[in-house]
Amino acid sequence: MYEQTDEDLMLSVMNGDRAAYNALFDRHMGSVWSFVRRLCRVEATAEEAFQETWLKVFRARATFKVGAKFRSWLFTIAANTSRDLKRREARRIETVELV
């Protein structure tokens, strides 16, 4: 299965193949972790971003456009998730300071 391209694996994921999802996770988990860790800078936030990214990949599998690069799609999700969590964390800090 690892010989398949990311895009082929994602097509299999779209058809319900969990082994293909696991293969994508195994292939990209290190680079996604490094990416969200750099963006978030706080380990707990990075852990949440990492988990949410992979959950969103699975939940949004039907929105993956055939012919698109999986890695670009994956890292867009990771970046947006990390930014959202950082904003949410900043709002929590502001609220605590106001009280």
N, C-alpha and C. Protein backbone atom coordinates (compact mmCIF):
# COMPACT_ATOMS: atom_id res chain seq x y z
N MET A 1 0.82 -1.21 0.00
CA MET A 1 0.00 0.00 0.00
C MET A 1 0.85 1.26 0.00
N TYR A 2 2.03 1.21 0.61
CA TYR A 2 2.87 2.40 0.71
C TYR A 2 3.43 2.84 -0.64
N GLU A 3 3.33 2.00 -1.67
CA GLU A 3 3.81 2.38 -2.98
C GLU A 3 2.85 3.37 -3.66
N GLN A 4 1.63 3.42 -3.17
CA GLN A 4 0.62 4.29 -3.77
C GLN A 4 0.95 5.75 -3.47
N THR A 5 0.53 6.63 -4.37
CA THR A 5 0.70 8.05 -4.12
C THR A 5 -0.27 8.49 -3.04
N ASP A 6 0.01 9.64 -2.46
CA ASP A 6 -0.90 10.19 -1.46
C ASP A 6 -2.30 10.37 -2.04
N GLU A 7 -2.34 10.82 -3.27
CA GLU A 7 -3.63 11.08 -3.91
C GLU A 7 -4.42 9.78 -4.12
N ASP A 8 -3.72 8.71 -4.51
CA ASP A 8 -4.38 7.41 -4.66
C ASP A 8 -4.88 6.89 -3.31
N LEU A 9 -4.06 7.07 -2.28
CA LEU A 9 -4.49 6.67 -0.94
C LEU A 9 -5.71 7.46 -0.51
N MET A 10 -5.72 8.76 -0.82
CA MET A 10 -6.86 9.59 -0.42
C MET A 10 -8.13 9.16 -1.16
N LEU A 11 -8.00 8.77 -2.40
CA LEU A 11 -9.17 8.25 -3.13
C LEU A 11 -9.70 6.99 -2.44
N SER A 12 -8.80 6.16 -1.96
CA SER A 12 -9.22 4.97 -1.23
C SER A 12 -9.90 5.35 0.08
N VAL A 13 -9.37 6.36 0.76
CA VAL A 13 -9.99 6.85 2.01
C VAL A 13 -11.40 7.33 1.71
N MET A 14 -11.57 8.03 0.61
CA MET A 14 -12.88 8.55 0.23
C MET A 14 -13.88 7.41 -0.01
N ASN A 15 -13.36 6.24 -0.35
CA ASN A 15 -14.20 5.07 -0.58
C ASN A 15 -14.30 4.19 0.66
N GLY A 16 -13.87 4.71 1.82
CA GLY A 16 -14.06 4.00 3.07
C GLY A 16 -12.90 3.12 3.52
N ASP A 17 -11.75 3.22 2.90
CA ASP A 17 -10.61 2.37 3.23
C ASP A 17 -9.82 2.98 4.40
N ARG A 18 -10.01 2.43 5.59
CA ARG A 18 -9.32 2.94 6.79
C ARG A 18 -7.82 2.63 6.76
N ALA A 19 -7.44 1.54 6.12
CA ALA A 19 -6.02 1.21 6.02
C ALA A 19 -5.28 2.28 5.21
N ALA A 20 -5.95 2.83 4.21
CA ALA A 20 -5.35 3.91 3.42
C ALA A 20 -5.18 5.17 4.27
N TYR A 21 -6.18 5.44 5.11
CA TYR A 21 -6.08 6.58 6.03
C TYR A 21 -4.90 6.38 6.98
N ASN A 22 -4.76 5.18 7.52
CA ASN A 22 -3.64 4.89 8.41
C ASN A 22 -2.30 5.04 7.69
N ALA A 23 -2.25 4.65 6.42
CA ALA A 23 -1.02 4.80 5.64
C ALA A 23 -0.67 6.28 5.46
N LEU A 24 -1.68 7.11 5.18
CA LEU A 24 -1.43 8.54 5.05
C LEU A 24 -0.96 9.13 6.38
N PHE A 25 -1.61 8.72 7.46
CA PHE A 25 -1.21 9.18 8.78
C PHE A 25 0.24 8.81 9.06
N ASP A 26 0.59 7.54 8.84
CA ASP A 26 1.96 7.08 9.09
C ASP A 26 2.97 7.85 8.24
N ARG A 27 2.59 8.12 7.02
CA ARG A 27 3.48 8.80 6.08
C ARG A 27 3.72 10.26 6.46
N HIS A 28 2.70 10.93 7.00
CA HIS A 28 2.78 12.39 7.20
C HIS A 28 2.76 12.86 8.65
N MET A 29 2.63 11.94 9.60
CA MET A 29 2.46 12.38 10.98
C MET A 29 3.65 13.19 11.48
N GLY A 30 4.85 12.82 11.15
CA GLY A 30 6.03 13.54 11.61
C GLY A 30 6.09 14.95 11.07
N SER A 31 5.84 15.11 9.80
CA SER A 31 5.92 16.45 9.20
C SER A 31 4.76 17.34 9.66
N VAL A 32 3.58 16.76 9.86
CA VAL A 32 2.45 17.55 10.36
C VAL A 32 2.73 17.98 11.80
N TRP A 33 3.25 17.06 12.61
CA TRP A 33 3.57 17.41 14.00
C TRP A 33 4.59 18.56 14.04
N SER A 34 5.64 18.46 13.27
CA SER A 34 6.66 19.53 13.24
C SER A 34 6.05 20.85 12.81
N PHE A 35 5.20 20.81 11.82
CA PHE A 35 4.56 22.01 11.29
C PHE A 35 3.67 22.68 12.34
N VAL A 36 2.77 21.92 12.95
CA VAL A 36 1.86 22.53 13.93
C VAL A 36 2.63 22.95 15.18
N ARG A 37 3.67 22.25 15.53
CA ARG A 37 4.48 22.63 16.69
C ARG A 37 5.14 23.99 16.46
N ARG A 38 5.65 24.22 15.25
CA ARG A 38 6.25 25.52 14.92
C ARG A 38 5.20 26.63 14.92
N LEU A 39 4.02 26.33 14.39
CA LEU A 39 2.97 27.35 14.34
C LEU A 39 2.41 27.68 15.72
N CYS A 40 2.19 26.68 16.52
CA CYS A 40 1.51 26.87 17.80
C CYS A 40 2.45 27.32 18.92
N ARG A 41 3.65 26.83 18.91
CA ARG A 41 4.68 27.15 19.90
C ARG A 41 4.39 26.65 21.31
N VAL A 42 3.17 26.32 21.62
CA VAL A 42 2.81 25.76 22.93
C VAL A 42 2.45 24.30 22.68
N GLU A 43 3.12 23.42 23.41
CA GLU A 43 2.97 21.99 23.12
C GLU A 43 1.52 21.51 23.24
N ALA A 44 0.81 21.94 24.26
CA ALA A 44 -0.57 21.49 24.44
C ALA A 44 -1.44 21.94 23.26
N THR A 45 -1.24 23.15 22.80
CA THR A 45 -2.00 23.66 21.65
C THR A 45 -1.61 22.88 20.39
N ALA A 46 -0.32 22.60 20.25
CA ALA A 46 0.15 21.83 19.09
C ALA A 46 -0.45 20.42 19.09
N GLU A 47 -0.52 19.80 20.26
CA GLU A 47 -1.12 18.46 20.34
C GLU A 47 -2.58 18.50 19.92
N GLU A 48 -3.29 19.51 20.38
CA GLU A 48 -4.70 19.64 19.99
C GLU A 48 -4.83 19.89 18.49
N ALA A 49 -3.98 20.75 17.95
CA ALA A 49 -4.01 21.04 16.51
C ALA A 49 -3.69 19.80 15.69
N PHE A 50 -2.73 19.02 16.15
CA PHE A 50 -2.35 17.80 15.45
C PHE A 50 -3.54 16.83 15.39
N GLN A 51 -4.17 16.61 16.54
CA GLN A 51 -5.30 15.69 16.59
C GLN A 51 -6.48 16.20 15.77
N GLU A 52 -6.78 17.48 15.90
CA GLU A 52 -7.90 18.05 15.14
C GLU A 52 -7.64 18.01 13.64
N THR A 53 -6.38 18.22 13.25
CA THR A 53 -6.05 18.17 11.82
C THR A 53 -6.41 16.81 11.24
N TRP A 54 -5.98 15.75 11.90
CA TRP A 54 -6.25 14.41 11.36
C TRP A 54 -7.72 14.05 11.43
N LEU A 55 -8.41 14.55 12.45
CA LEU A 55 -9.85 14.34 12.52
C LEU A 55 -10.55 15.06 11.36
N LYS A 56 -10.13 16.28 11.10
CA LYS A 56 -10.72 17.05 9.99
C LYS A 56 -10.42 16.42 8.64
N VAL A 57 -9.23 15.87 8.48
CA VAL A 57 -8.90 15.18 7.23
C VAL A 57 -9.89 14.04 7.00
N PHE A 58 -10.16 13.28 8.04
CA PHE A 58 -11.10 12.16 7.89
C PHE A 58 -12.51 12.67 7.63
N ARG A 59 -12.95 13.64 8.43
CA ARG A 59 -14.31 14.14 8.27
C ARG A 59 -14.54 14.84 6.95
N ALA A 60 -13.51 15.50 6.42
CA ALA A 60 -13.65 16.27 5.18
C ALA A 60 -13.19 15.50 3.95
N ARG A 61 -13.01 14.20 4.10
CA ARG A 61 -12.49 13.39 2.99
C ARG A 61 -13.30 13.55 1.71
N ALA A 62 -14.58 13.75 1.83
CA ALA A 62 -15.43 13.88 0.64
C ALA A 62 -15.18 15.19 -0.10
N THR A 63 -14.54 16.15 0.57
CA THR A 63 -14.29 17.44 -0.08
C THR A 63 -12.96 17.49 -0.81
N PHE A 64 -12.16 16.44 -0.66
CA PHE A 64 -10.87 16.40 -1.36
C PHE A 64 -11.12 16.37 -2.86
N LYS A 65 -10.48 17.27 -3.56
CA LYS A 65 -10.68 17.36 -5.02
C LYS A 65 -9.73 16.41 -5.74
N VAL A 66 -10.31 15.52 -6.52
CA VAL A 66 -9.52 14.60 -7.32
C VAL A 66 -8.62 15.42 -8.24
N GLY A 67 -7.36 15.09 -8.25
CA GLY A 67 -6.39 15.83 -9.06
C GLY A 67 -5.60 16.84 -8.24
N ALA A 68 -6.06 17.15 -7.04
CA ALA A 68 -5.34 18.08 -6.17
C ALA A 68 -4.21 17.34 -5.47
N LYS A 69 -3.25 18.09 -4.95
CA LYS A 69 -2.16 17.50 -4.18
C LYS A 69 -2.62 17.29 -2.75
N PHE A 70 -2.55 16.08 -2.27
CA PHE A 70 -2.97 15.77 -0.91
C PHE A 70 -2.17 16.56 0.11
N ARG A 71 -0.87 16.62 -0.08
CA ARG A 71 -0.01 17.29 0.90
C ARG A 71 -0.39 18.77 1.06
N SER A 72 -0.70 19.44 -0.01
CA SER A 72 -1.13 20.84 0.07
C SER A 72 -2.44 20.96 0.84
N TRP A 73 -3.37 20.08 0.55
CA TRP A 73 -4.67 20.06 1.22
C TRP A 73 -4.48 19.79 2.71
N LEU A 74 -3.66 18.80 3.04
CA LEU A 74 -3.38 18.43 4.43
C LEU A 74 -2.78 19.60 5.20
N PHE A 75 -1.77 20.25 4.63
CA PHE A 75 -1.10 21.33 5.35
C PHE A 75 -1.94 22.60 5.41
N THR A 76 -2.86 22.77 4.48
CA THR A 76 -3.81 23.87 4.60
C THR A 76 -4.72 23.64 5.80
N ILE A 77 -5.20 22.41 5.95
CA ILE A 77 -6.02 22.07 7.11
C ILE A 77 -5.23 22.27 8.39
N ALA A 78 -3.99 21.80 8.42
CA ALA A 78 -3.14 21.93 9.61
C ALA A 78 -2.89 23.40 9.96
N ALA A 79 -2.62 24.23 8.96
CA ALA A 79 -2.36 25.65 9.21
C ALA A 79 -3.62 26.34 9.73
N ASN A 80 -4.74 26.11 9.09
CA ASN A 80 -5.99 26.74 9.53
C ASN A 80 -6.39 26.29 10.93
N THR A 81 -6.22 25.01 11.21
CA THR A 81 -6.55 24.49 12.53
C THR A 81 -5.65 25.11 13.59
N SER A 82 -4.37 25.18 13.31
CA SER A 82 -3.42 25.78 14.26
C SER A 82 -3.74 27.24 14.52
N ARG A 83 -4.03 27.98 13.47
CA ARG A 83 -4.36 29.40 13.64
C ARG A 83 -5.65 29.58 14.44
N ASP A 84 -6.64 28.76 14.15
CA ASP A 84 -7.91 28.84 14.90
C ASP A 84 -7.69 28.57 16.38
N LEU A 85 -6.91 27.57 16.69
CA LEU A 85 -6.65 27.24 18.09
C LEU A 85 -5.84 28.32 18.79
N LYS A 86 -4.89 28.91 18.08
CA LYS A 86 -4.12 30.01 18.67
C LYS A 86 -5.02 31.20 18.96
N ARG A 87 -5.94 31.52 18.04
CA ARG A 87 -6.88 32.63 18.26
C ARG A 87 -7.79 32.33 19.45
N ARG A 88 -8.28 31.10 19.51
CA ARG A 88 -9.15 30.71 20.61
C ARG A 88 -8.40 30.84 21.95
N GLU A 89 -7.16 30.40 21.97
CA GLU A 89 -6.35 30.50 23.18
C GLU A 89 -6.10 31.96 23.56
N ALA A 90 -5.87 32.80 22.58
CA ALA A 90 -5.65 34.23 22.86
C ALA A 90 -6.91 34.86 23.45
N ARG A 91 -8.08 34.46 22.95
CA ARG A 91 -9.34 34.99 23.50
C ARG A 91 -9.54 34.53 24.94
N ARG A 92 -9.17 33.29 25.23
CA ARG A 92 -9.28 32.79 26.61
C ARG A 92 -8.40 33.61 27.55
N ILE A 93 -7.20 33.90 27.11
CA ILE A 93 -6.27 34.68 27.93
C ILE A 93 -6.82 36.08 28.15
N GLU A 94 -7.36 36.71 27.10
CA GLU A 94 -7.94 38.06 27.24
C GLU A 94 -9.10 38.03 28.21
N THR A 95 -9.93 37.03 28.14
CA THR A 95 -11.10 36.93 29.02
C THR A 95 -10.64 36.78 30.47
N VAL A 96 -9.65 35.97 30.71
CA VAL A 96 -9.15 35.78 32.07
C VAL A 96 -8.55 37.09 32.61
N GLU A 97 -7.84 37.81 31.76
CA GLU A 97 -7.24 39.07 32.20
C GLU A 97 -8.29 40.12 32.51
N LEU A 98 -9.42 40.08 31.82
CA LEU A 98 -10.48 41.07 32.04
C LEU A 98 -11.22 40.82 33.34
N VAL A 99 -11.26 39.61 33.78
CA VAL A 99 -12.02 39.25 34.98
C VAL A 99 -11.31 39.65 36.21
